[in-house]
Amino acid sequence: MSEKKHGSSMKLFFASIFDIHHRYRNKRDEIRESGKHEKRHQEWKALWHYMFSISADSASHEEIKQRLLDGGRVSGTNMCVMVCAILIASVGLNTNSTAVIIGAMLISPLMGSILAIGYGTVTADYFVVRRHLTGFLFQIICSVLTSAIYFLLSPEKGVTAELLNRTNPSFYDVIIASAGGIAGIIGQTRKDKANNIIPGVAIATALMPPLCTCGYSIANQKWRMLSGALYLFVVNSYFIYMSACLVLTLLRIPQVRETSEKERKRTVHKLVRNAILISLPSIVLGLLIHQG
């Protein structure tokens, strides 16, 4: 009897040893698999960061500040260049010349003011925001007045295809302005200042032609054209600004003063709210045109 009990105890002992060993092996394999999964996750994360990092080759924060604020300056050469761009764009729209309009978009300094406003917003420097917003409004007024005077004096009063193209904004313009704004601010924040990003963005987003179309509309009292062209300009300007704010935030540009979490959330809420309100008419217009 005692031998049977002894044999049974030995069996239980070896069974428990086997069970412990089995559990250990399962746990070890689980840890190894977890380690492999974590390693793969880290590798993919590193690859993603390497492929799409915008901070890897970005310039210093001080250099970014200098570039953006200089680009948004409304004085001296910037204003001279802008007047030239207004006249070139007006002639191109008046004569239906795409090449001339592209030339005007390439030399227009309007985007510089928008990026400077975005920089002021992200850094919580409201003096910079007010100064460059005032300058931007001055540029808009100057552009519209100059183009209106040109179209009043021009013997060609007909509505060209290029003018009409600036009066029918759609949701595609929202996408173009957003992508263009991201590309533009990345181009301005890179270490290498010599790049072909800004000229391409200037052509794609088209800030100057809608303003010149506004001048044409005022000169010829075409108020429906005026509303369409002005709306296109607002869409392009705002989504370039919003994209610039997003990229500068991702680059962790330092703020000039400490802001609370509540204040930061309020700023984000305003940006998103305005984006929805501005883009809604383009969505509605697109649906109406599609149904029609």
Foldseek 3Di string as FASTA:
>chain_A
DVVVVVVVVVVVVVVVVVVVVVVVVVVVVVVVVVVVVVVVVVVVVVVCCVVDPLQPFFDDLVQLLVLLLVLLDQDDPLVVLQLVLLVQLLVCQLVVNPVSPLVSLQSHSLLSLLLQLLVCLLQVPVVSNVVSVVSNVVSLVVSLQSLLVVLLPDPRLDGDPLLVVLQQAALVLLVLLQVLLLQQLSQSGGPDVDDDSNSVSSNRNPQRNLSSSLSSCVNVVPVSSNVRSVLSNVSNSLSSNLNSNVVVVVNVNHHPDDDDPVVVVVSVVVSVVVNCVSNVVNHVSVVVVVVD
